């Protein structure tokens, strides 16, 4: 049975029957089986392909694959006309869903049977995508194209696996734009687009990738080193620790590029990154002209004292872009590590306060506690609030506590309230302020709030035997204290400066009134009755 099928396939391929006259519905090339596509006429396959043997192609050969699924076996090969079968031109394998027998078959899938890690397996000489629904890589297999990948329509979805283009050279990727590219996925983990053999001679090599349909975010690499294989993927969001931690917001874009390479040399490498303007956060968009590429150095995202290059309109496309895009370049004279992460932010002289305060109050709730409350309307890369306190008579504020931000990742565009309780029994005035500190060291302050000690006046003992004490706390202005009889006659008068302890002696038995006035305004600060029962 296998021999009869193979003979039929060989007859069809070698004769080069046109797509209209040859309507093979499915095909199977068994292990050891061989078929060849010549360039005298196109060949079409309307069904699925199971390729376990050898399927060769000459230059100008065109193979239409209109089926739903292509599977290469572990021993499969797709050689070209060269002696070794890997270094020639070969034919074009066109993936299309425009199946005249079964109608539009939708998204196609492929099991490429190539391993990027091992550098071995089946590889196509050239592949053209003409399927608006796209081509998806099946699980457990990478895909390799030795010469040219051309986008006529649609996307290639890596689905967590890898696509390699080039054979000891970067190869060619053509036809890409914001409507046709390689989709690497939105998550931090996933597959890469590889291109082989980048050198100084290859110049700028484009990696047309994006996170999802409609989210085109290509990169380009220019290296001055020896032949090197580079890989690129891009994912949504930017994280505090590159692939983990809090989400960074406002001054960034919703994209992170993951770029790696094989060589360990230190050759200068230029990184060019392009994003759709729709991926910008509002604050970033307002200051786009001061934006640049940032690099994760293993501990934090770096910041530059000045812009390395001005941002430009995106040009990493072969077709007219449907949406506005911005492109940045940053040079790394010492080269790149084996894996690096990049994103974009706005730079100096834009210095944004970590917190926009809308409220700060402080008041004493007991003789030994002060309550503080503050609110923010916006936080930008904020890390912590430092509570600073100064007692009357001191010249400097002291940090007494640190309160972490409640904004997710240090970013918010809505009101957040913060409380704090300070154990403070000082009998002098206290001054408070709140200091917000960003992850990059920028600070902002609230206004200063003054809190008096608890106003407390004690008369003791009361009743008494003609001798008693008056203790005054919490009033910081000069006072006049008067002892009056029930007729309102002032019997004794004392000047009191700030807090005081006054001892009163030898008062005859009677009922008295003790009144304290603010000296400057004559307003009553305190009034009470004092009962003298007799004299000692």
Foldseek 3Di string as FASTA:
>chain_A
DLVVQLVVQQVCQVVQDECVVDEAAEHEAADVGEHEHEQPHEAEYQAEYEFAYEYEFEDNYEYEYQYAEYEYDLHYEYAYPDPVRQPDQGYEYEYEQCRPVPGRPAEHEYAANADPVVRDGYAAQEYEYDYQNEYEYDPPHEYEHAAEYEYPHHEYEDAQEEYEYHDLFQHYYYHFALGYAYAQAAAPHGYWYKGWFAAQVVAKDKHFYAHDRNWTKIKIKHWHDGIKMKIKYKHFFAAFQRRDHFTADQFFFGMKMKMFMDDPAFTKMKMKIKTFPVRHGPNNNVQVQQKAKWWRPRNGTDADQGHPDGKDWDDSGNDDHPGTMIMHMDMRRRDDHRIIMMTMGGHPPDDDAQFAWDDWDWEDPDLFKIKIKTKTQWGHQWFWKFKWKDFPPDDDTDGDDIGGDPPGNSTDRGMDMDMDMDGHNDLGKMKIKIWIAHPVGHIDIDDIDIYFRPFDWDWPDAAEAFKIKIWTTGDQAKKKKFKAAPVRDTPDIDIDHHTDMDIGGRDAFHKIKIWMARPVPRHTPDIDIGGHHHHD
